[in-house]
Amino acid sequence: MERQDVLDQDGDTRGRIRRVALASAIGTTIEWYDYFAYSTATALVFNHAFFPKLSAASGTLAAFATLGVGFVARPLGGIVWGHFGDRVGRKAMLVASLLLMGVATAGVGVLPTYAEAGVVAPVLLVVLRVLQGISAGGEWGGAALMAVEHAPEGRRGRYGSFSQIGVPAGLILAQLVFFALNSSLTPEAFRSWGWRVPFLLSLVLVAVGLVIRLRVEESPVFARLRTDDKRSKLPIVEVLRARPWQVLTAAVSFIANTALGYIFFAYLLSYGTSVLKLSSATMLVVVITGSVVWLASIVGAASWSDTAGRKPVYLAGSVLLVVWSIPFFLLVDTRQPWLLIVAVTVLNIGLGATYGPQAALFAELFEPRFRYSGSSFAYAVGAVLGGGFAPLIATALQNATGTSMPVALYMVGVSVLSLLAVLAFPRRPLVAATAGRG
């Protein structure tokens, strides 16, 4: 009888962990679907809808600038959500961030265009993008910690990957929706109203995500902090005082991943259609294929990090990003779809290796009392320095030189910078004993 009770308890524990993992994966997929719907629309339509008075090149630059504004807001989101995530709880912040992202995204779907409202239209677009950025600044930290802090000892990388796969999964979902609309509508219909559909669809997806997230239990690590009354009063201040080196190296380590990631799924769409003159459908298929590889490599790299260690996996991915950046554009510039797929496949193996173990690694860099703040702030700062203006920088470099090689060299530069940060990581977790359930 006692043995049966133990088995039942183990079954309940496994079921709870699976529910948390599922909630992290689905919730982040929906959250990042919203975020990437904006990125995709930026590359395909926003220059026409909100900046029609500018030239084609200038309109694309302006559209990518609004994309970057959302990144600038992310550190603020990391501080706000991190503070309350360390004080009130991980679960509550996950629900709040998902709601804010859903409202902001649906708002983009009903915005008037420049032709209808003049300069008010791009101003409102920027405001909604800022709200998306604030939401994204705290979403990742909450989802990552819920997965990692529920995970069994020795499997933090694997379970942490459930929050990581939401990024490529959200990207795939957004790209598929845009692909379906782009394929079924005339170019005029798509530019007139079709581009709004992915944003309005967010309302349905957010409702599903909320139902799932409201059913999961609070992180056991935070529950212990609350019971023992060991929560930090000013977690962002404490983490910057106690772990400044960890915040810095974590942020810099993320620069290459987010910069090359946004060049892959945002800039490449624009470059392929406007410079290489490939069809939108072809470029969407290329990006979707690369995203599937990214998702698979995240899962594989995260699981590998549980046995090999976080740092060796990160190093392997970082080196690949350095050496592949120039071949990437050499293949892309052939205009041959199958070579484009080879280019994005190898690139996304590197992206997966530098993203899959991230949730577990960042959690293991910070003590539980300020872990949400430290992880979220480092992630958000890295995103600003890397992905925030990468498509804008890439577009400006290509427009100024008429060639992709400066963009490839920019990719090499940020990849080397992140590689140096990864080399500075400790070989073993700093706070392994309290990183998860053990």
Protein backbone atom coordinates (compact mmCIF):
# COMPACT_ATOMS: atom_id res chain seq x y z
CA MET A 1 0.00 0.00 0.00
CA GLU A 2 2.82 2.37 0.93
CA ARG A 3 4.61 1.55 -2.33
CA GLN A 4 1.42 2.33 -4.28
CA ASP A 5 1.15 5.70 -2.51
CA VAL A 6 4.72 6.50 -3.53
CA LEU A 7 3.99 5.50 -7.14
CA ASP A 8 0.85 7.64 -7.17
CA GLN A 9 2.78 10.58 -5.76
CA ASP A 10 5.51 10.14 -8.39
CA GLY A 11 2.83 10.00 -11.07
CA ASP A 12 1.25 13.20 -9.78
CA THR A 13 4.66 14.90 -9.75
CA ARG A 14 5.41 13.84 -13.33
CA GLY A 15 1.97 14.97 -14.42
CA ARG A 16 2.47 18.38 -12.77
CA ILE A 17 5.85 18.82 -14.44
CA ARG A 18 4.41 17.88 -17.82
CA ARG A 19 1.58 20.41 -17.39
CA VAL A 20 4.07 23.15 -16.53
CA ALA A 21 6.26 22.24 -19.51
CA LEU A 22 3.22 22.26 -21.80
CA ALA A 23 2.06 25.60 -20.41
CA SER A 24 5.53 27.09 -20.94
CA ALA A 25 5.69 25.83 -24.52
CA ILE A 26 2.17 26.84 -25.56
CA GLY A 27 2.21 30.15 -23.73
CA THR A 28 5.54 31.26 -25.18
CA THR A 29 4.47 30.05 -28.63
CA ILE A 30 1.44 32.33 -28.48
CA GLU A 31 3.43 35.21 -27.01
CA TRP A 32 6.10 34.97 -29.69
CA TYR A 33 3.56 34.40 -32.44
CA ASP A 34 2.30 37.87 -31.58
CA TYR A 35 5.79 39.30 -31.57
CA PHE A 36 6.81 37.67 -34.84
CA ALA A 37 3.59 38.55 -36.61
CA TYR A 38 4.79 42.12 -36.21
CA SER A 39 8.27 41.25 -37.51
CA THR A 40 6.86 39.50 -40.57
CA ALA A 41 4.45 42.32 -41.34
CA THR A 42 7.33 44.78 -40.96
CA ALA A 43 9.26 43.03 -43.70
CA LEU A 44 6.28 42.55 -46.03
CA VAL A 45 3.78 45.39 -45.66
CA PHE A 46 4.39 48.06 -42.99
CA ASN A 47 6.53 50.24 -45.26
CA HIS A 48 3.52 50.57 -47.60
CA ALA A 49 0.84 50.84 -44.91
CA PHE A 50 2.50 53.29 -42.53
CA PHE A 51 5.36 54.98 -44.44
CA PRO A 52 4.08 55.42 -48.01
CA LYS A 53 5.55 58.93 -48.38
CA LEU A 54 9.08 57.57 -48.17
CA SER A 55 11.05 55.82 -50.88
CA ALA A 56 11.00 52.02 -50.88
CA ALA A 57 14.40 51.81 -49.14
CA SER A 58 13.61 54.55 -46.62
CA GLY A 59 10.20 53.07 -45.90
CA THR A 60 11.79 49.70 -45.13
CA LEU A 61 14.31 51.40 -42.82
CA ALA A 62 11.49 53.23 -41.01
CA ALA A 63 9.50 50.03 -40.62
CA PHE A 64 12.52 48.19 -39.18
CA ALA A 65 13.09 51.14 -36.82
CA THR A 66 9.64 50.55 -35.28
CA LEU A 67 10.68 46.91 -34.85
CA GLY A 68 13.71 48.09 -32.88
CA VAL A 69 11.63 50.35 -30.62
CA GLY A 70 10.02 47.28 -29.10
CA PHE A 71 13.42 46.00 -28.09
CA VAL A 72 14.32 49.25 -26.34
CA ALA A 73 11.27 48.74 -24.11
CA ARG A 74 12.26 45.19 -23.19
CA PRO A 75 14.73 46.02 -20.36
CA LEU A 76 11.96 48.07 -18.73
CA GLY A 77 9.70 45.05 -19.01
CA GLY A 78 12.45 42.87 -17.59
CA ILE A 79 12.78 45.14 -14.55
CA VAL A 80 9.03 45.47 -13.93
CA TRP A 81 8.06 41.85 -14.49
CA GLY A 82 11.25 40.67 -12.77
CA HIS A 83 10.50 42.72 -9.65
CA PHE A 84 6.99 41.37 -9.28
CA GLY A 85 8.03 37.89 -10.40
CA ASP A 86 10.51 37.78 -7.51
CA ARG A 87 8.06 39.42 -5.09
CA VAL A 88 4.58 38.16 -6.08
CA GLY A 89 5.29 35.00 -8.06
CA ARG A 90 6.24 33.57 -11.44
CA LYS A 91 2.75 32.44 -12.43
CA ALA A 92 1.00 35.80 -11.98
CA MET A 93 3.52 37.56 -14.21
CA LEU A 94 3.09 34.95 -16.94
CA VAL A 95 -0.63 35.63 -17.04
CA ALA A 96 -0.21 39.42 -16.98
CA SER A 97 2.45 39.49 -19.72
CA LEU A 98 0.35 37.29 -22.01
CA LEU A 99 -2.67 39.57 -21.56
CA LEU A 100 -0.65 42.69 -22.37
CA MET A 101 0.87 41.10 -25.47
CA GLY A 102 -2.56 40.00 -26.71
CA VAL A 103 -4.09 43.46 -26.30
CA ALA A 104 -1.16 45.19 -28.02
CA THR A 105 -1.11 42.73 -30.93
CA ALA A 106 -4.84 42.89 -31.55
CA GLY A 107 -4.51 46.67 -31.44
CA VAL A 108 -2.11 46.56 -34.39
CA GLY A 109 -4.76 44.63 -36.30
CA VAL A 110 -7.27 47.47 -36.06
CA LEU A 111 -4.89 50.40 -36.58
CA PRO A 112 -5.71 52.91 -39.30
CA THR A 113 -3.07 53.20 -42.01
CA TYR A 114 -1.21 56.36 -42.98
CA ALA A 115 -3.70 56.92 -45.81
CA GLU A 116 -6.55 56.90 -43.27
CA ALA A 117 -5.06 58.76 -40.30
CA GLY A 118 -1.87 60.43 -41.47
CA VAL A 119 1.05 60.68 -39.06
CA VAL A 120 -1.13 59.44 -36.16
CA ALA A 121 -0.99 55.93 -37.65
CA PRO A 122 2.78 55.32 -37.32
CA VAL A 123 2.75 56.98 -33.89
CA LEU A 124 0.12 54.53 -32.66
CA LEU A 125 2.07 51.70 -34.25
CA VAL A 126 5.13 52.66 -32.21
CA VAL A 127 3.07 52.85 -28.98
CA LEU A 128 1.70 49.35 -29.51
CA ARG A 129 5.16 48.07 -30.36
CA VAL A 130 6.45 49.49 -27.07
CA LEU A 131 3.72 47.59 -25.20
CA GLN A 132 4.74 44.41 -27.03
CA GLY A 133 8.33 45.04 -25.97
CA ILE A 134 7.39 45.54 -22.32
CA SER A 135 5.44 42.29 -22.39
CA ALA A 136 8.24 40.33 -24.08
CA GLY A 137 10.74 41.71 -21.56
CA GLY A 138 9.22 39.65 -18.77
CA GLU A 139 7.54 36.78 -20.61
CA TRP A 140 10.65 34.76 -21.26
CA GLY A 141 11.95 34.93 -17.69
CA GLY A 142 8.68 33.72 -16.20
CA ALA A 143 8.20 30.87 -18.66
CA ALA A 144 11.83 29.76 -18.39
CA LEU A 145 11.84 29.74 -14.59
CA MET A 146 8.52 27.94 -14.30
CA ALA A 147 9.93 25.15 -16.48
CA VAL A 148 13.39 25.01 -14.90
CA GLU A 149 12.27 25.38 -11.28
CA HIS A 150 9.77 22.54 -11.66
CA ALA A 151 12.29 20.29 -13.43
CA PRO A 152 13.82 17.16 -11.85
CA GLU A 153 17.51 17.27 -10.97
CA GLY A 154 19.66 16.57 -14.01
CA ARG A 155 16.96 17.55 -16.52
CA ARG A 156 16.84 21.33 -16.25
CA GLY A 157 18.17 21.80 -19.75
CA ARG A 158 15.60 19.49 -21.26
CA TYR A 159 12.64 21.00 -19.41
CA GLY A 160 13.94 24.53 -19.84
CA SER A 161 13.84 23.96 -23.61
CA PHE A 162 10.04 23.98 -23.47
CA SER A 163 10.14 27.73 -22.93
CA GLN A 164 12.78 28.06 -25.67
CA ILE A 165 10.89 26.18 -28.39
CA GLY A 166 8.08 28.71 -28.09
CA VAL A 167 10.23 31.16 -30.07
CA PRO A 168 10.65 29.11 -33.28
CA ALA A 169 7.19 27.60 -32.82
CA GLY A 170 5.66 31.08 -32.62
CA LEU A 171 7.69 32.10 -35.66
CA ILE A 172 6.54 29.04 -37.62
CA LEU A 173 2.91 29.72 -36.71
CA ALA A 174 3.17 33.38 -37.73
CA GLN A 175 4.92 32.50 -40.99
CA LEU A 176 2.34 29.83 -41.84
CA VAL A 177 -0.51 32.28 -41.30
CA PHE A 178 1.17 34.89 -43.48
CA PHE A 179 2.02 32.24 -46.09
CA ALA A 180 -1.61 31.10 -46.26
CA LEU A 181 -2.86 34.67 -46.64
CA ASN A 182 -0.15 35.61 -49.12
CA SER A 183 -0.95 32.55 -51.24
CA SER A 184 -4.73 32.86 -51.17
CA LEU A 185 -5.17 36.63 -51.55
CA THR A 186 -4.20 38.97 -54.33
CA PRO A 187 -1.33 41.35 -53.51
CA GLU A 188 -3.84 44.21 -53.37
CA ALA A 189 -6.13 42.39 -50.94
CA PHE A 190 -3.23 41.36 -48.73
CA ARG A 191 -1.93 44.92 -48.50
CA SER A 192 -5.43 46.31 -48.01
CA TRP A 193 -6.79 44.08 -45.23
CA GLY A 194 -5.21 40.61 -45.29
CA TRP A 195 -2.21 41.60 -43.18
CA ARG A 196 -4.58 42.42 -40.30
CA VAL A 197 -5.84 38.84 -39.92
CA PRO A 198 -2.75 37.43 -38.13
CA PHE A 199 -2.96 40.21 -35.51
CA LEU A 200 -6.67 39.73 -34.85
CA LEU A 201 -6.16 35.96 -34.61
CA SER A 202 -4.08 36.71 -31.52
CA LEU A 203 -7.28 37.21 -29.48
CA VAL A 204 -8.21 33.56 -29.93
CA LEU A 205 -4.71 32.29 -29.24
CA VAL A 206 -4.30 34.39 -26.10
CA ALA A 207 -7.59 33.05 -24.72
CA VAL A 208 -6.27 29.50 -25.18
CA GLY A 209 -2.97 30.40 -23.55
CA LEU A 210 -4.64 31.98 -20.53
CA VAL A 211 -6.78 28.89 -19.89
CA ILE A 212 -3.64 26.73 -19.89
CA ARG A 213 -1.49 29.04 -17.76
CA LEU A 214 -4.15 29.60 -15.12
CA ARG A 215 -4.22 25.85 -14.44
CA VAL A 216 -0.54 25.40 -13.53
CA GLU A 217 0.90 25.56 -10.02
CA GLU A 218 3.35 28.17 -8.79
CA SER A 219 7.06 27.36 -8.97
CA PRO A 220 8.09 25.25 -5.94
CA VAL A 221 11.27 27.34 -5.61
CA PHE A 222 9.30 30.57 -5.29
CA ALA A 223 6.77 28.88 -2.99
CA ARG A 224 9.65 28.05 -0.62
CA LEU A 225 10.96 31.61 -0.78
CA ARG A 226 7.53 32.93 0.13
CA THR A 227 7.05 30.41 2.96
CA ASP A 228 10.51 31.12 4.38
CA ASP A 229 10.06 34.88 3.85
CA LYS A 230 13.34 35.13 1.92
CA ARG A 231 12.12 37.22 -1.00
CA SER A 232 14.26 40.16 -2.07
CA LYS A 233 12.74 43.59 -1.45
CA LEU A 234 14.52 45.19 -4.43
CA PRO A 235 15.61 42.26 -6.58
CA ILE A 236 16.98 44.23 -9.54
CA VAL A 237 19.17 46.31 -7.21
CA GLU A 238 20.35 43.26 -5.32
CA VAL A 239 21.19 41.23 -8.43
CA LEU A 240 23.19 44.10 -9.95
CA ARG A 241 25.14 44.42 -6.71
CA ALA A 242 25.65 40.71 -6.05
CA ARG A 243 26.01 39.31 -9.59
CA PRO A 244 27.01 42.14 -11.99
CA TRP A 245 29.48 39.93 -13.89
CA GLN A 246 26.85 37.25 -14.43
CA VAL A 247 24.34 39.82 -15.71
CA LEU A 248 26.93 41.25 -18.11
CA THR A 249 28.21 37.95 -19.51
CA ALA A 250 24.69 36.52 -19.84
CA ALA A 251 23.52 39.62 -21.74
CA VAL A 252 26.52 39.69 -24.08
CA SER A 253 26.29 35.94 -24.72
CA PHE A 254 22.78 36.52 -26.13
CA ILE A 255 23.73 39.30 -28.55
CA ALA A 256 24.78 37.02 -31.42
CA ASN A 257 21.82 34.68 -31.10
CA THR A 258 19.25 37.44 -31.21
CA ALA A 259 21.07 39.50 -33.87
CA LEU A 260 21.52 36.59 -36.26
CA GLY A 261 18.07 35.33 -35.40
CA TYR A 262 16.42 38.58 -36.47
CA ILE A 263 18.58 38.80 -39.57
CA PHE A 264 17.35 35.30 -40.42
CA PHE A 265 13.62 35.71 -39.90
CA ALA A 266 13.06 39.45 -40.36
CA TYR A 267 15.78 40.93 -42.57
CA LEU A 268 16.11 37.87 -44.83
CA LEU A 269 12.44 38.16 -45.84
CA SER A 270 12.92 41.76 -46.90
CA TYR A 271 16.30 41.12 -48.55
CA GLY A 272 15.03 38.12 -50.46
CA THR A 273 11.97 39.85 -51.86
CA SER A 274 13.26 43.39 -52.43
CA VAL A 275 16.93 42.82 -53.37
CA LEU A 276 17.10 39.25 -54.71
CA LYS A 277 13.62 39.58 -56.28
CA LEU A 278 12.45 36.19 -55.03
CA SER A 279 8.76 35.69 -54.35
CA SER A 280 7.30 36.17 -50.89
CA ALA A 281 6.07 32.58 -50.96
CA THR A 282 9.59 31.27 -51.64
CA MET A 283 11.11 33.31 -48.84
CA LEU A 284 8.40 32.29 -46.39
CA VAL A 285 9.06 28.62 -47.17
CA VAL A 286 12.80 29.18 -46.60
CA VAL A 287 12.18 30.86 -43.25
CA ILE A 288 9.68 28.22 -42.14
CA THR A 289 12.15 25.45 -43.02
CA GLY A 290 14.91 27.15 -41.06
CA SER A 291 12.56 27.64 -38.11
CA VAL A 292 11.75 23.92 -37.99
CA VAL A 293 15.49 23.17 -37.87
CA TRP A 294 15.88 25.79 -35.15
CA LEU A 295 13.15 24.16 -33.04
CA ALA A 296 14.64 20.68 -33.38
CA SER A 297 18.17 21.89 -32.61
CA ILE A 298 16.93 23.70 -29.48
CA VAL A 299 15.54 20.46 -28.07
CA GLY A 300 18.65 18.49 -29.00
CA ALA A 301 21.09 21.07 -27.64
CA ALA A 302 19.17 21.53 -24.39
CA SER A 303 19.12 17.79 -23.72
CA TRP A 304 22.80 17.52 -24.64
CA SER A 305 23.61 20.26 -22.11
CA ASP A 306 22.25 18.07 -19.30
CA THR A 307 25.07 15.60 -19.92
CA ALA A 308 27.85 17.63 -21.55
CA GLY A 309 27.29 20.84 -19.59
CA ARG A 310 25.86 24.20 -20.65
CA LYS A 311 29.17 25.86 -21.55
CA PRO A 312 30.48 23.24 -24.05
CA VAL A 313 27.17 23.27 -25.94
CA TYR A 314 27.14 27.08 -26.01
CA LEU A 315 30.74 27.12 -27.26
CA ALA A 316 29.97 24.71 -30.09
CA GLY A 317 27.04 26.83 -31.23
CA SER A 318 28.94 30.10 -30.87
CA VAL A 319 31.86 28.87 -32.99
CA LEU A 320 29.43 27.69 -35.68
CA LEU A 321 27.81 31.13 -35.82
CA VAL A 322 31.21 32.77 -36.29
CA VAL A 323 32.37 30.50 -39.11
CA TRP A 324 29.04 30.23 -40.95
CA SER A 325 28.10 33.92 -41.24
CA ILE A 326 30.01 34.59 -44.48
CA PRO A 327 29.09 31.28 -46.19
CA PHE A 328 25.50 32.00 -45.18
CA PHE A 329 25.23 35.07 -47.41
CA LEU A 330 27.34 33.55 -50.18
CA LEU A 331 24.71 30.82 -50.46
CA VAL A 332 21.76 33.20 -50.07
CA ASP A 333 23.05 35.42 -52.88
CA THR A 334 22.93 32.52 -55.36
CA ARG A 335 19.12 32.98 -55.43
CA GLN A 336 18.79 29.19 -55.58
CA PRO A 337 16.04 28.11 -53.14
CA TRP A 338 17.75 24.83 -52.20
CA LEU A 339 20.99 26.66 -51.39
CA LEU A 340 19.03 29.17 -49.31
CA ILE A 341 17.62 26.23 -47.37
CA VAL A 342 21.15 24.86 -46.81
CA ALA A 343 22.22 28.31 -45.59
CA VAL A 344 19.40 28.69 -43.06
CA THR A 345 19.63 25.05 -41.93
CA VAL A 346 23.24 25.32 -40.77
CA LEU A 347 22.67 28.79 -39.30
CA ASN A 348 19.75 27.53 -37.24
CA ILE A 349 21.72 24.62 -35.85
CA GLY A 350 24.04 27.27 -34.40
CA LEU A 351 21.09 29.33 -33.17
CA GLY A 352 19.59 26.26 -31.49
CA ALA A 353 22.84 25.38 -29.73
CA THR A 354 23.11 28.92 -28.33
CA TYR A 355 19.44 29.08 -27.32
CA GLY A 356 18.41 25.60 -26.19
CA PRO A 357 20.42 25.51 -22.92
CA GLN A 358 19.81 29.20 -22.16
CA ALA A 359 16.87 28.84 -19.76
CA ALA A 360 18.75 26.42 -17.51
CA LEU A 361 22.04 28.30 -17.73
CA PHE A 362 20.57 31.71 -16.88
CA ALA A 363 18.63 30.20 -13.97
CA GLU A 364 21.81 28.60 -12.64
CA LEU A 365 23.63 31.95 -12.69
CA PHE A 366 21.35 33.62 -10.13
CA GLU A 367 20.07 32.87 -6.65
CA PRO A 368 16.31 32.20 -6.44
CA ARG A 369 15.47 35.42 -4.54
CA PHE A 370 16.47 37.60 -7.52
CA ARG A 371 16.54 35.01 -10.30
CA TYR A 372 13.55 36.37 -12.27
CA SER A 373 15.05 39.88 -12.28
CA GLY A 374 18.57 38.76 -13.17
CA SER A 375 17.49 36.38 -15.94
CA SER A 376 14.91 38.72 -17.49
CA PHE A 377 17.12 41.81 -17.39
CA ALA A 378 20.12 40.01 -18.91
CA TYR A 379 17.92 38.48 -21.62
CA ALA A 380 16.28 41.83 -22.42
CA VAL A 381 19.56 43.76 -22.56
CA GLY A 382 21.09 41.13 -24.83
CA ALA A 383 18.03 41.35 -27.07
CA VAL A 384 18.34 45.14 -27.34
CA LEU A 385 22.07 45.06 -28.13
CA GLY A 386 21.66 42.20 -30.58
CA GLY A 387 18.28 41.86 -32.24
CA GLY A 388 16.85 45.27 -31.51
CA PHE A 389 18.26 47.01 -34.54
CA ALA A 390 19.94 44.16 -36.42
CA PRO A 391 17.48 44.27 -39.37
CA LEU A 392 17.84 48.07 -39.47
CA ILE A 393 21.65 47.86 -39.41
CA ALA A 394 21.66 45.12 -42.03
CA THR A 395 19.35 47.11 -44.31
CA ALA A 396 21.46 50.26 -43.92
CA LEU A 397 24.70 48.37 -44.67
CA GLN A 398 23.25 46.73 -47.76
CA ASN A 399 21.72 49.99 -49.04
CA ALA A 400 25.00 51.88 -48.51
CA THR A 401 27.25 49.32 -50.22
CA GLY A 402 24.95 47.44 -52.58
CA THR A 403 26.34 44.11 -51.34
CA SER A 404 25.61 41.64 -48.57
CA MET A 405 29.23 41.19 -47.47
CA PRO A 406 29.18 44.03 -44.87
CA VAL A 407 26.09 42.38 -43.36
CA ALA A 408 27.96 39.07 -43.17
CA LEU A 409 30.94 40.80 -41.49
CA TYR A 410 28.55 42.42 -39.01
CA MET A 411 27.26 38.93 -38.18
CA VAL A 412 30.83 37.73 -37.65
CA GLY A 413 31.57 40.67 -35.34
CA VAL A 414 28.61 40.14 -33.01
CA SER A 415 29.22 36.38 -33.01
CA VAL A 416 32.82 36.85 -31.88
CA LEU A 417 31.64 39.21 -29.13
CA SER A 418 29.20 36.63 -27.79
CA LEU A 419 31.79 33.88 -28.08
CA LEU A 420 34.08 35.83 -25.75
CA ALA A 421 31.24 36.12 -23.22
CA VAL A 422 30.56 32.38 -23.42
CA LEU A 423 34.24 31.68 -22.74
CA ALA A 424 33.84 33.67 -19.51
CA PHE A 425 31.01 31.45 -18.24
CA PRO A 426 31.84 29.18 -15.28
CA ARG A 427 32.31 25.53 -16.17
CA ARG A 428 29.79 24.45 -13.53
CA PRO A 429 26.53 26.08 -12.35
CA LEU A 430 27.02 28.72 -9.67
CA VAL A 431 23.83 27.83 -7.82
CA ALA A 432 23.11 24.28 -8.98
CA ALA A 433 21.75 23.17 -5.61
CA THR A 434 18.93 25.69 -5.76
CA ALA A 435 18.42 26.07 -9.50
CA GLY A 436 15.56 23.64 -9.67
CA ARG A 437 13.65 21.33 -7.34
CA GLY A 438 16.74 19.99 -5.58
